[in-house]
Amino acid sequence: MPGGALACAEGDQILLGLEWLLSQHAFAHVVATQDWHPTRHVSFASSHPPHQPFEAIDLYGHSQTLWPDHCIQRTEGAALHPAIDWSYCDAIIRKGTDPGIDSYSAFRNNVGPDGHRPATGLAGWLRDRRVTDVYLCGLARDVCVLWTAEDAVAAGFNTHFLWPLTRPVTFETDDDTRQRLSALGIAVVDA
């Protein structure tokens, strides 16, 4: 949120619409994700001096953006936003909990030292409940929500991206995000 360690552009603008959508009980199941990083997480620029936030390094053979220290476990910065009634959620997936592996997607962590992307368990949780379609929103449009959409398609779910209920780290990435979604046949809901 604005003022936070890793603020998304106009991130607070999704809160009213998200709260309204949840209050409509339009979905059989609601899952939230929560970044829950240990201190000295591998994705933090502070763990790789002299690198600075938003620089990229090679990590396990892949590019890793280095982020400001953010969403540290048991801190206010990791809390789910108080403007949302989280009692609508059936599950909360905490991601980025392994100090050595970053995690953007709700479905899979990023590549680890063994070259694999460990699953979070969300795909199985959804399949157990016979979910076929997923509707995604949240922060950040160009990172976590985008990676979640890509992994949802790869896991076989019909995927819908609720564009107005997302915000990016920077609006400069919007064209690329739309192109990636289109290339995968992900439905972008603009209303």
N, C-alpha and C. Protein backbone atom coordinates (compact mmCIF):
# COMPACT_ATOMS: atom_id res chain seq x y z
N MET A 1 0.83 -1.18 0.00
CA MET A 1 0.00 0.00 0.00
C MET A 1 0.88 1.25 0.00
N PRO A 2 0.33 2.37 -0.48
CA PRO A 2 1.11 3.61 -0.44
C PRO A 2 1.67 3.84 0.96
N GLY A 3 2.94 4.22 0.98
CA GLY A 3 3.63 4.43 2.25
C GLY A 3 4.32 3.20 2.78
N GLY A 4 4.05 2.03 2.18
CA GLY A 4 4.67 0.79 2.62
C GLY A 4 6.05 0.61 2.02
N ALA A 5 6.74 -0.40 2.49
CA ALA A 5 8.12 -0.65 2.05
C ALA A 5 8.21 -1.00 0.57
N LEU A 6 7.18 -1.63 0.02
CA LEU A 6 7.15 -2.00 -1.39
C LEU A 6 5.77 -1.63 -1.94
N ALA A 7 5.54 -0.34 -2.03
CA ALA A 7 4.22 0.17 -2.40
C ALA A 7 3.92 -0.04 -3.87
N CYS A 8 2.68 -0.43 -4.16
CA CYS A 8 2.20 -0.51 -5.52
C CYS A 8 1.53 0.81 -5.87
N ALA A 9 1.65 1.21 -7.14
CA ALA A 9 1.04 2.46 -7.60
C ALA A 9 -0.46 2.42 -7.34
N GLU A 10 -0.95 3.33 -6.53
CA GLU A 10 -2.38 3.44 -6.21
C GLU A 10 -2.95 2.15 -5.64
N GLY A 11 -2.15 1.38 -4.91
CA GLY A 11 -2.59 0.10 -4.37
C GLY A 11 -3.85 0.19 -3.53
N ASP A 12 -4.02 1.29 -2.83
CA ASP A 12 -5.20 1.43 -1.97
C ASP A 12 -6.49 1.62 -2.77
N GLN A 13 -6.38 1.89 -4.07
CA GLN A 13 -7.56 2.12 -4.89
C GLN A 13 -8.38 0.84 -5.15
N ILE A 14 -7.84 -0.32 -4.84
CA ILE A 14 -8.58 -1.56 -5.06
C ILE A 14 -9.42 -1.95 -3.86
N LEU A 15 -9.21 -1.33 -2.71
CA LEU A 15 -9.82 -1.80 -1.48
C LEU A 15 -11.35 -1.75 -1.49
N LEU A 16 -11.93 -0.64 -1.89
CA LEU A 16 -13.39 -0.50 -1.88
C LEU A 16 -14.04 -1.53 -2.81
N GLY A 17 -13.52 -1.66 -4.01
CA GLY A 17 -14.07 -2.63 -4.97
C GLY A 17 -13.89 -4.06 -4.51
N LEU A 18 -12.75 -4.36 -3.92
CA LEU A 18 -12.51 -5.71 -3.42
C LEU A 18 -13.45 -6.04 -2.27
N GLU A 19 -13.62 -5.11 -1.34
CA GLU A 19 -14.53 -5.35 -0.22
C GLU A 19 -15.96 -5.55 -0.73
N TRP A 20 -16.38 -4.75 -1.72
CA TRP A 20 -17.72 -4.91 -2.29
C TRP A 20 -17.86 -6.28 -2.95
N LEU A 21 -16.88 -6.67 -3.76
CA LEU A 21 -16.95 -7.96 -4.45
C LEU A 21 -17.06 -9.10 -3.45
N LEU A 22 -16.26 -9.09 -2.40
CA LEU A 22 -16.32 -10.15 -1.40
C LEU A 22 -17.68 -10.17 -0.70
N SER A 23 -18.24 -9.03 -0.44
CA SER A 23 -19.53 -8.96 0.27
C SER A 23 -20.69 -9.49 -0.56
N GLN A 24 -20.50 -9.63 -1.87
CA GLN A 24 -21.56 -10.13 -2.76
C GLN A 24 -21.68 -11.65 -2.73
N HIS A 25 -20.72 -12.33 -2.10
CA HIS A 25 -20.73 -13.80 -2.02
C HIS A 25 -20.88 -14.42 -3.41
N ALA A 26 -20.17 -13.85 -4.37
CA ALA A 26 -20.29 -14.29 -5.77
C ALA A 26 -19.48 -15.56 -6.05
N PHE A 27 -18.61 -15.95 -5.13
CA PHE A 27 -17.72 -17.08 -5.37
C PHE A 27 -17.93 -18.16 -4.32
N ALA A 28 -17.84 -19.40 -4.75
CA ALA A 28 -17.99 -20.51 -3.82
C ALA A 28 -16.83 -20.57 -2.82
N HIS A 29 -15.66 -20.15 -3.26
CA HIS A 29 -14.47 -20.18 -2.40
C HIS A 29 -13.65 -18.93 -2.63
N VAL A 30 -13.05 -18.43 -1.56
CA VAL A 30 -12.18 -17.26 -1.63
C VAL A 30 -10.87 -17.62 -0.95
N VAL A 31 -9.78 -17.36 -1.66
CA VAL A 31 -8.44 -17.62 -1.13
C VAL A 31 -7.64 -16.32 -1.20
N ALA A 32 -6.99 -15.98 -0.12
CA ALA A 32 -6.09 -14.82 -0.11
C ALA A 32 -4.65 -15.32 -0.03
N THR A 33 -3.75 -14.50 -0.51
CA THR A 33 -2.33 -14.80 -0.32
C THR A 33 -1.74 -13.72 0.57
N GLN A 34 -0.68 -14.09 1.24
CA GLN A 34 -0.02 -13.16 2.16
C GLN A 34 1.49 -13.40 2.08
N ASP A 35 2.22 -12.38 1.61
CA ASP A 35 3.67 -12.49 1.68
C ASP A 35 4.05 -12.56 3.16
N TRP A 36 4.93 -13.49 3.49
CA TRP A 36 5.26 -13.77 4.90
C TRP A 36 6.75 -14.12 4.97
N HIS A 37 7.57 -13.09 4.72
CA HIS A 37 9.01 -13.30 4.57
C HIS A 37 9.73 -13.33 5.92
N PRO A 38 10.68 -14.24 6.07
CA PRO A 38 11.57 -14.16 7.22
C PRO A 38 12.55 -13.00 7.02
N THR A 39 13.13 -12.53 8.10
CA THR A 39 14.17 -11.51 7.96
C THR A 39 15.31 -12.09 7.15
N ARG A 40 16.05 -11.23 6.45
CA ARG A 40 17.18 -11.66 5.62
C ARG A 40 16.75 -12.60 4.49
N HIS A 41 15.56 -12.39 3.96
CA HIS A 41 15.06 -13.20 2.85
C HIS A 41 15.94 -13.01 1.62
N VAL A 42 16.07 -14.05 0.83
CA VAL A 42 16.94 -14.03 -0.35
C VAL A 42 16.53 -12.97 -1.36
N SER A 43 15.27 -12.55 -1.37
CA SER A 43 14.81 -11.56 -2.34
C SER A 43 15.09 -10.12 -1.91
N PHE A 44 15.56 -9.93 -0.68
CA PHE A 44 15.80 -8.57 -0.19
C PHE A 44 17.16 -8.06 -0.67
N ALA A 45 17.18 -6.85 -1.18
CA ALA A 45 18.45 -6.25 -1.59
C ALA A 45 19.42 -6.19 -0.41
N SER A 46 18.90 -6.01 0.78
CA SER A 46 19.76 -5.92 1.97
C SER A 46 20.52 -7.22 2.23
N SER A 47 20.07 -8.32 1.65
CA SER A 47 20.76 -9.61 1.79
C SER A 47 21.89 -9.78 0.77
N HIS A 48 22.04 -8.80 -0.13
CA HIS A 48 23.03 -8.89 -1.20
C HIS A 48 23.80 -7.58 -1.36
N PRO A 49 24.47 -7.12 -0.31
CA PRO A 49 25.20 -5.86 -0.46
C PRO A 49 26.29 -6.02 -1.53
N PRO A 50 26.59 -5.02 -2.30
CA PRO A 50 26.11 -3.63 -2.25
C PRO A 50 24.89 -3.38 -3.14
N HIS A 51 24.17 -4.43 -3.55
CA HIS A 51 23.03 -4.26 -4.46
C HIS A 51 21.92 -3.44 -3.80
N GLN A 52 21.16 -2.78 -4.66
CA GLN A 52 20.07 -1.91 -4.23
C GLN A 52 18.72 -2.50 -4.67
N PRO A 53 17.62 -2.09 -4.00
CA PRO A 53 16.30 -2.54 -4.44
C PRO A 53 16.06 -2.26 -5.92
N PHE A 54 15.40 -3.21 -6.56
CA PHE A 54 14.99 -3.19 -7.96
C PHE A 54 16.13 -3.54 -8.92
N GLU A 55 17.32 -3.81 -8.41
CA GLU A 55 18.37 -4.39 -9.25
C GLU A 55 18.05 -5.87 -9.40
N ALA A 56 18.62 -6.48 -10.45
CA ALA A 56 18.44 -7.91 -10.67
C ALA A 56 19.79 -8.60 -10.52
N ILE A 57 19.75 -9.79 -9.95
CA ILE A 57 20.93 -10.63 -9.84
C ILE A 57 20.59 -12.01 -10.40
N ASP A 58 21.60 -12.81 -10.64
CA ASP A 58 21.39 -14.20 -11.01
C ASP A 58 21.25 -15.01 -9.72
N LEU A 59 20.16 -15.75 -9.60
CA LEU A 59 19.93 -16.59 -8.43
C LEU A 59 19.45 -17.95 -8.93
N TYR A 60 20.22 -18.97 -8.65
CA TYR A 60 19.89 -20.34 -9.07
C TYR A 60 19.69 -20.44 -10.59
N GLY A 61 20.45 -19.62 -11.34
CA GLY A 61 20.38 -19.68 -12.79
C GLY A 61 19.24 -18.88 -13.40
N HIS A 62 18.56 -18.06 -12.60
CA HIS A 62 17.44 -17.25 -13.08
C HIS A 62 17.59 -15.83 -12.57
N SER A 63 16.98 -14.90 -13.26
CA SER A 63 17.02 -13.51 -12.84
C SER A 63 16.14 -13.32 -11.60
N GLN A 64 16.68 -12.66 -10.59
CA GLN A 64 15.93 -12.36 -9.37
C GLN A 64 15.96 -10.86 -9.15
N THR A 65 14.78 -10.24 -9.17
CA THR A 65 14.69 -8.84 -8.78
C THR A 65 14.89 -8.76 -7.28
N LEU A 66 15.70 -7.82 -6.87
CA LEU A 66 15.91 -7.59 -5.44
C LEU A 66 14.93 -6.51 -4.97
N TRP A 67 14.24 -6.81 -3.90
CA TRP A 67 13.19 -5.94 -3.39
C TRP A 67 13.63 -5.27 -2.09
N PRO A 68 12.98 -4.16 -1.74
CA PRO A 68 13.20 -3.63 -0.40
C PRO A 68 12.71 -4.66 0.62
N ASP A 69 13.24 -4.64 1.81
CA ASP A 69 12.72 -5.52 2.87
C ASP A 69 11.23 -5.22 3.03
N HIS A 70 10.39 -6.24 2.92
CA HIS A 70 8.95 -6.01 2.98
C HIS A 70 8.25 -7.26 3.52
N CYS A 71 7.04 -7.08 4.04
CA CYS A 71 6.18 -8.17 4.48
C CYS A 71 6.93 -9.17 5.37
N ILE A 72 7.63 -8.65 6.35
CA ILE A 72 8.40 -9.49 7.25
C ILE A 72 7.45 -10.11 8.28
N GLN A 73 7.59 -11.41 8.46
CA GLN A 73 6.70 -12.17 9.34
C GLN A 73 6.48 -11.44 10.68
N ARG A 74 5.22 -11.46 11.11
CA ARG A 74 4.82 -10.93 12.41
C ARG A 74 5.04 -9.42 12.56
N THR A 75 5.07 -8.70 11.43
CA THR A 75 5.17 -7.24 11.49
C THR A 75 3.91 -6.65 10.87
N GLU A 76 3.68 -5.38 11.15
CA GLU A 76 2.52 -4.69 10.58
C GLU A 76 2.56 -4.70 9.06
N GLY A 77 3.78 -4.65 8.49
CA GLY A 77 3.92 -4.64 7.04
C GLY A 77 3.48 -5.93 6.37
N ALA A 78 3.39 -7.02 7.13
CA ALA A 78 2.96 -8.30 6.57
C ALA A 78 1.47 -8.56 6.79
N ALA A 79 0.82 -7.70 7.54
CA ALA A 79 -0.59 -7.91 7.88
C ALA A 79 -1.49 -7.74 6.66
N LEU A 80 -2.55 -8.51 6.61
CA LEU A 80 -3.58 -8.31 5.59
C LEU A 80 -4.28 -6.98 5.91
N HIS A 81 -4.66 -6.26 4.87
CA HIS A 81 -5.18 -4.90 5.07
C HIS A 81 -6.45 -4.90 5.93
N PRO A 82 -6.51 -4.03 6.92
CA PRO A 82 -7.67 -4.02 7.84
C PRO A 82 -8.97 -3.50 7.22
N ALA A 83 -8.92 -2.90 6.05
CA ALA A 83 -10.15 -2.41 5.41
C ALA A 83 -10.97 -3.54 4.79
N ILE A 84 -10.39 -4.71 4.69
CA ILE A 84 -11.05 -5.86 4.09
C ILE A 84 -11.51 -6.81 5.18
N ASP A 85 -12.73 -7.31 5.04
CA ASP A 85 -13.24 -8.33 5.97
C ASP A 85 -12.73 -9.69 5.49
N TRP A 86 -11.67 -10.17 6.10
CA TRP A 86 -11.02 -11.40 5.68
C TRP A 86 -11.78 -12.64 6.11
N SER A 87 -12.89 -12.48 6.84
CA SER A 87 -13.69 -13.66 7.22
C SER A 87 -14.34 -14.30 6.00
N TYR A 88 -14.37 -13.60 4.86
CA TYR A 88 -14.89 -14.19 3.63
C TYR A 88 -13.96 -15.27 3.08
N CYS A 89 -12.71 -15.28 3.54
CA CYS A 89 -11.71 -16.21 3.00
C CYS A 89 -11.87 -17.61 3.57
N ASP A 90 -11.74 -18.58 2.68
CA ASP A 90 -11.73 -19.98 3.09
C ASP A 90 -10.32 -20.44 3.42
N ALA A 91 -9.32 -19.78 2.82
CA ALA A 91 -7.92 -20.14 3.06
C ALA A 91 -7.04 -18.93 2.81
N ILE A 92 -5.93 -18.89 3.51
CA ILE A 92 -4.90 -17.88 3.29
C ILE A 92 -3.59 -18.62 3.02
N ILE A 93 -3.03 -18.38 1.84
CA ILE A 93 -1.78 -19.01 1.44
C ILE A 93 -0.65 -18.03 1.78
N ARG A 94 0.22 -18.43 2.69
CA ARG A 94 1.39 -17.60 3.00
C ARG A 94 2.51 -17.99 2.06
N LYS A 95 3.12 -16.99 1.44
CA LYS A 95 4.17 -17.27 0.47
C LYS A 95 5.44 -16.51 0.80
N GLY A 96 6.55 -17.01 0.26
CA GLY A 96 7.84 -16.40 0.55
C GLY A 96 8.35 -16.74 1.94
N THR A 97 7.90 -17.87 2.48
CA THR A 97 8.27 -18.24 3.86
C THR A 97 9.64 -18.90 3.95
N ASP A 98 10.12 -19.46 2.86
CA ASP A 98 11.45 -20.08 2.84
C ASP A 98 12.48 -18.97 2.66
N PRO A 99 13.45 -18.85 3.56
CA PRO A 99 14.41 -17.75 3.44
C PRO A 99 15.25 -17.79 2.17
N GLY A 100 15.33 -18.95 1.51
CA GLY A 100 16.17 -19.08 0.33
C GLY A 100 15.45 -19.12 -0.99
N ILE A 101 14.10 -18.96 -0.99
CA ILE A 101 13.33 -19.03 -2.24
C ILE A 101 12.29 -17.92 -2.24
N ASP A 102 12.24 -17.14 -3.32
CA ASP A 102 11.20 -16.13 -3.44
C ASP A 102 9.91 -16.79 -3.89
N SER A 103 8.81 -16.08 -3.80
CA SER A 103 7.52 -16.66 -4.17
C SER A 103 6.60 -15.56 -4.65
N TYR A 104 6.33 -15.55 -5.95
CA TYR A 104 5.39 -14.58 -6.53
C TYR A 104 4.00 -15.19 -6.67
N SER A 105 3.93 -16.37 -7.21
CA SER A 105 2.66 -17.01 -7.54
C SER A 105 2.00 -17.64 -6.31
N ALA A 106 0.68 -17.66 -6.33
CA ALA A 106 -0.07 -18.36 -5.28
C ALA A 106 0.01 -19.88 -5.48
N PHE A 107 0.40 -20.32 -6.67
CA PHE A 107 0.43 -21.75 -6.98
C PHE A 107 1.80 -22.39 -6.79
N ARG A 108 2.87 -21.66 -7.11
CA ARG A 108 4.22 -22.23 -7.05
C ARG A 108 5.19 -21.17 -6.56
N ASN A 109 6.17 -21.61 -5.79
CA ASN A 109 7.26 -20.72 -5.42
C ASN A 109 8.15 -20.51 -6.64
N ASN A 110 9.04 -19.53 -6.56
CA ASN A 110 10.01 -19.32 -7.62
C ASN A 110 11.01 -20.48 -7.61
N VAL A 111 11.91 -20.48 -8.57
CA VAL A 111 12.90 -21.54 -8.68
C VAL A 111 13.82 -21.53 -7.46
N GLY A 112 14.02 -22.71 -6.89
CA GLY A 112 14.91 -22.86 -5.74
C GLY A 112 16.27 -23.38 -6.16
N PRO A 113 17.14 -23.65 -5.19
CA PRO A 113 18.49 -24.11 -5.51
C PRO A 113 18.53 -25.45 -6.24
N ASP A 114 17.44 -26.23 -6.13
CA ASP A 114 17.40 -27.53 -6.82
C ASP A 114 16.86 -27.40 -8.25
N GLY A 115 16.57 -26.16 -8.68
CA GLY A 115 16.08 -25.93 -10.04
C GLY A 115 14.60 -26.15 -10.23
N HIS A 116 13.86 -26.42 -9.17
CA HIS A 116 12.42 -26.67 -9.26
C HIS A 116 11.63 -25.54 -8.61
N ARG A 117 10.36 -25.45 -8.99
CA ARG A 117 9.44 -24.48 -8.39
C ARG A 117 8.46 -25.26 -7.50
N PRO A 118 8.71 -25.30 -6.20
CA PRO A 118 7.83 -26.06 -5.31
C PRO A 118 6.40 -25.53 -5.31
N ALA A 119 5.45 -26.44 -5.27
CA ALA A 119 4.03 -26.08 -5.23
C ALA A 119 3.64 -25.57 -3.85
N THR A 120 2.67 -24.67 -3.81
CA THR A 120 2.15 -24.16 -2.54
C THR A 120 1.02 -25.03 -1.99
N GLY A 121 0.45 -25.88 -2.84
CA GLY A 121 -0.70 -26.70 -2.45
C GLY A 121 -2.03 -26.12 -2.90
N LEU A 122 -2.03 -24.91 -3.45
CA LEU A 122 -3.29 -24.27 -3.84
C LEU A 122 -4.01 -25.04 -4.94
N ALA A 123 -3.30 -25.52 -5.94
CA ALA A 123 -3.97 -26.23 -7.04
C ALA A 123 -4.72 -27.45 -6.51
N GLY A 124 -4.10 -28.23 -5.65
CA GLY A 124 -4.77 -29.39 -5.07
C GLY A 124 -5.97 -28.99 -4.23
N TRP A 125 -5.81 -27.92 -3.45
CA TRP A 125 -6.90 -27.42 -2.60
C TRP A 125 -8.10 -27.07 -3.48
N LEU A 126 -7.86 -26.37 -4.59
CA LEU A 126 -8.95 -25.99 -5.50
C LEU A 126 -9.57 -27.21 -6.18
N ARG A 127 -8.74 -28.14 -6.64
CA ARG A 127 -9.27 -29.34 -7.30
C ARG A 127 -10.12 -30.17 -6.34
N ASP A 128 -9.70 -30.27 -5.08
CA ASP A 128 -10.49 -31.00 -4.09
C ASP A 128 -11.88 -30.42 -3.94
N ARG A 129 -12.05 -29.15 -4.26
CA ARG A 129 -13.34 -28.47 -4.14
C ARG A 129 -14.01 -28.30 -5.50
N ARG A 130 -13.49 -29.00 -6.51
CA ARG A 130 -14.04 -29.01 -7.87
C ARG A 130 -14.09 -27.62 -8.53
N VAL A 131 -13.16 -26.79 -8.18
CA VAL A 131 -13.05 -25.47 -8.79
C VAL A 131 -12.46 -25.63 -10.18
N THR A 132 -13.08 -24.97 -11.16
CA THR A 132 -12.58 -25.00 -12.54
C THR A 132 -12.15 -23.62 -13.03
N ASP A 133 -12.73 -22.57 -12.45
CA ASP A 133 -12.44 -21.20 -12.86
C ASP A 133 -11.88 -20.43 -11.67
N VAL A 134 -10.83 -19.65 -11.93
CA VAL A 134 -10.29 -18.77 -10.90
C VAL A 134 -10.34 -17.33 -11.39
N TYR A 135 -10.67 -16.44 -10.48
CA TYR A 135 -10.74 -15.00 -10.73
C TYR A 135 -9.71 -14.35 -9.83
N LEU A 136 -8.77 -13.62 -10.43
CA LEU A 136 -7.63 -13.10 -9.69
C LEU A 136 -7.67 -11.60 -9.58
N CYS A 137 -7.24 -11.10 -8.43
CA CYS A 137 -7.10 -9.67 -8.21
C CYS A 137 -6.04 -9.47 -7.13
N GLY A 138 -5.69 -8.22 -6.86
CA GLY A 138 -4.75 -7.93 -5.79
C GLY A 138 -3.52 -7.20 -6.26
N LEU A 139 -2.46 -7.34 -5.48
CA LEU A 139 -1.19 -6.66 -5.70
C LEU A 139 -0.08 -7.69 -5.80
N ALA A 140 0.83 -7.47 -6.58
CA ALA A 140 1.01 -6.47 -7.61
C ALA A 140 0.65 -7.09 -8.97
N ARG A 141 -0.08 -6.31 -9.74
CA ARG A 141 -0.59 -6.75 -11.04
C ARG A 141 0.51 -7.34 -11.92
N ASP A 142 1.68 -6.70 -11.93
CA ASP A 142 2.75 -7.06 -12.85
C ASP A 142 3.73 -8.09 -12.29
N VAL A 143 3.48 -8.56 -11.07
CA VAL A 143 4.36 -9.57 -10.49
C VAL A 143 3.51 -10.71 -9.94
N CYS A 144 3.04 -10.60 -8.72
CA CYS A 144 2.37 -11.72 -8.05
C CYS A 144 1.06 -12.12 -8.73
N VAL A 145 0.23 -11.17 -9.12
CA VAL A 145 -1.04 -11.54 -9.75
C VAL A 145 -0.77 -12.13 -11.13
N LEU A 146 0.17 -11.55 -11.86
CA LEU A 146 0.52 -12.06 -13.18
C LEU A 146 1.09 -13.48 -13.10
N TRP A 147 2.03 -13.72 -12.21
CA TRP A 147 2.60 -15.06 -12.07
C TRP A 147 1.54 -16.06 -11.63
N THR A 148 0.63 -15.64 -10.76
CA THR A 148 -0.45 -16.52 -10.33
C THR A 148 -1.34 -16.87 -11.51
N ALA A 149 -1.65 -15.89 -12.35
CA ALA A 149 -2.46 -16.15 -13.54
C ALA A 149 -1.77 -17.15 -14.47
N GLU A 150 -0.49 -16.94 -14.72
CA GLU A 150 0.25 -17.85 -15.59
C GLU A 150 0.26 -19.27 -15.04
N ASP A 151 0.46 -19.40 -13.73
CA ASP A 151 0.49 -20.73 -13.12
C ASP A 151 -0.91 -21.35 -13.04
N ALA A 152 -1.94 -20.53 -12.92
CA ALA A 152 -3.31 -21.05 -12.91
C ALA A 152 -3.63 -21.70 -14.25
N VAL A 153 -3.25 -21.04 -15.34
CA VAL A 153 -3.45 -21.61 -16.67
C VAL A 153 -2.66 -22.90 -16.82
N ALA A 154 -1.40 -22.89 -16.39
CA ALA A 154 -0.56 -24.08 -16.49
C ALA A 154 -1.14 -25.24 -15.69
N ALA A 155 -1.86 -24.93 -14.61
CA ALA A 155 -2.47 -25.97 -13.77
C ALA A 155 -3.83 -26.41 -14.31
N GLY A 156 -4.28 -25.79 -15.42
CA GLY A 156 -5.52 -26.22 -16.07
C GLY A 156 -6.78 -25.49 -15.66
N PHE A 157 -6.63 -24.37 -14.97
CA PHE A 157 -7.82 -23.61 -14.56
C PHE A 157 -8.17 -22.57 -15.60
N ASN A 158 -9.48 -22.36 -15.82
CA ASN A 158 -9.94 -21.23 -16.62
C ASN A 158 -9.66 -19.99 -15.77
N THR A 159 -8.90 -19.07 -16.33
CA THR A 159 -8.35 -17.99 -15.52
C THR A 159 -8.87 -16.64 -15.99
N HIS A 160 -9.33 -15.84 -15.03
CA HIS A 160 -9.90 -14.52 -15.27
C HIS A 160 -9.14 -13.51 -14.42
N PHE A 161 -8.71 -12.44 -15.03
CA PHE A 161 -7.87 -11.42 -14.39
C PHE A 161 -8.71 -10.16 -14.21
N LEU A 162 -9.05 -9.84 -12.98
CA LEU A 162 -9.92 -8.69 -12.68
C LEU A 162 -9.08 -7.41 -12.66
N TRP A 163 -8.81 -6.87 -13.84
CA TRP A 163 -7.89 -5.75 -14.02
C TRP A 163 -8.16 -4.57 -13.09
N PRO A 164 -9.41 -4.09 -12.94
CA PRO A 164 -9.63 -2.92 -12.08
C PRO A 164 -9.33 -3.18 -10.60
N LEU A 165 -9.28 -4.44 -10.21
CA LEU A 165 -8.99 -4.78 -8.81
C LEU A 165 -7.55 -5.24 -8.64
N THR A 166 -6.68 -4.73 -9.51
CA THR A 166 -5.24 -4.97 -9.40
C THR A 166 -4.54 -3.63 -9.57
N ARG A 167 -3.33 -3.54 -9.05
CA ARG A 167 -2.46 -2.39 -9.31
C ARG A 167 -1.04 -2.93 -9.41
N PRO A 168 -0.22 -2.31 -10.29
CA PRO A 168 1.14 -2.78 -10.49
C PRO A 168 2.13 -2.08 -9.55
N VAL A 169 3.34 -2.60 -9.54
CA VAL A 169 4.41 -1.87 -8.87
C VAL A 169 4.58 -0.54 -9.60
N THR A 170 4.55 -0.59 -10.93
CA THR A 170 4.62 0.62 -11.75
C THR A 170 3.72 0.44 -12.97
N PHE A 171 3.00 1.49 -13.34
CA PHE A 171 2.10 1.43 -14.50
C PHE A 171 2.85 1.23 -15.81
N GLU A 172 4.16 1.45 -15.82
CA GLU A 172 4.96 1.27 -17.03
C GLU A 172 4.93 -0.16 -17.54
N THR A 173 4.54 -1.10 -16.70
CA THR A 173 4.53 -2.52 -17.09
C THR A 173 3.18 -2.98 -17.64
N ASP A 174 2.18 -2.11 -17.67
CA ASP A 174 0.83 -2.55 -18.03
C ASP A 174 0.74 -3.15 -19.43
N ASP A 175 1.38 -2.56 -20.42
CA ASP A 175 1.30 -3.10 -21.78
C ASP A 175 1.88 -4.51 -21.83
N ASP A 176 3.03 -4.71 -21.21
CA ASP A 176 3.66 -6.03 -21.18
C ASP A 176 2.77 -7.04 -20.45
N THR A 177 2.18 -6.61 -19.35
CA THR A 177 1.29 -7.51 -18.58
C THR A 177 0.11 -7.94 -19.43
N ARG A 178 -0.53 -7.00 -20.11
CA ARG A 178 -1.67 -7.35 -20.98
C ARG A 178 -1.24 -8.29 -22.11
N GLN A 179 -0.07 -8.07 -22.67
CA GLN A 179 0.41 -8.95 -23.74
C GLN A 179 0.64 -10.37 -23.23
N ARG A 180 1.23 -10.50 -22.06
CA ARG A 180 1.48 -11.83 -21.50
C ARG A 180 0.16 -12.55 -21.19
N LEU A 181 -0.82 -11.82 -20.68
CA LEU A 181 -2.11 -12.43 -20.39
C LEU A 181 -2.80 -12.86 -21.68
N SER A 182 -2.76 -12.01 -22.69
CA SER A 182 -3.39 -12.32 -23.97
C SER A 182 -2.76 -13.54 -24.62
N ALA A 183 -1.43 -13.61 -24.56
CA ALA A 183 -0.72 -14.74 -25.18
C ALA A 183 -1.12 -16.08 -24.57
N LEU A 184 -1.54 -16.06 -23.32
CA LEU A 184 -1.95 -17.30 -22.65
C LEU A 184 -3.46 -17.53 -22.69
N GLY A 185 -4.19 -16.62 -23.32
CA GLY A 185 -5.63 -16.76 -23.40
C GLY A 185 -6.34 -16.47 -22.09
N ILE A 186 -5.72 -15.71 -21.24
CA ILE A 186 -6.31 -15.36 -19.94
C ILE A 186 -7.31 -14.24 -20.16
N ALA A 187 -8.52 -14.44 -19.68
CA ALA A 187 -9.58 -13.46 -19.83
C ALA A 187 -9.31 -12.26 -18.93
N VAL A 188 -9.18 -11.08 -19.53
CA VAL A 188 -9.01 -9.85 -18.76
C VAL A 188 -10.38 -9.21 -18.61
N VAL A 189 -10.81 -9.08 -17.38
CA VAL A 189 -12.11 -8.47 -17.07
C VAL A 189 -11.84 -7.02 -16.73
N ASP A 190 -12.32 -6.10 -17.57
CA ASP A 190 -12.04 -4.68 -17.38
C ASP A 190 -13.15 -3.94 -16.64
N ALA A 191 -14.28 -4.56 -16.43
CA ALA A 191 -15.40 -3.87 -15.79
C ALA A 191 -15.46 -4.22 -14.32
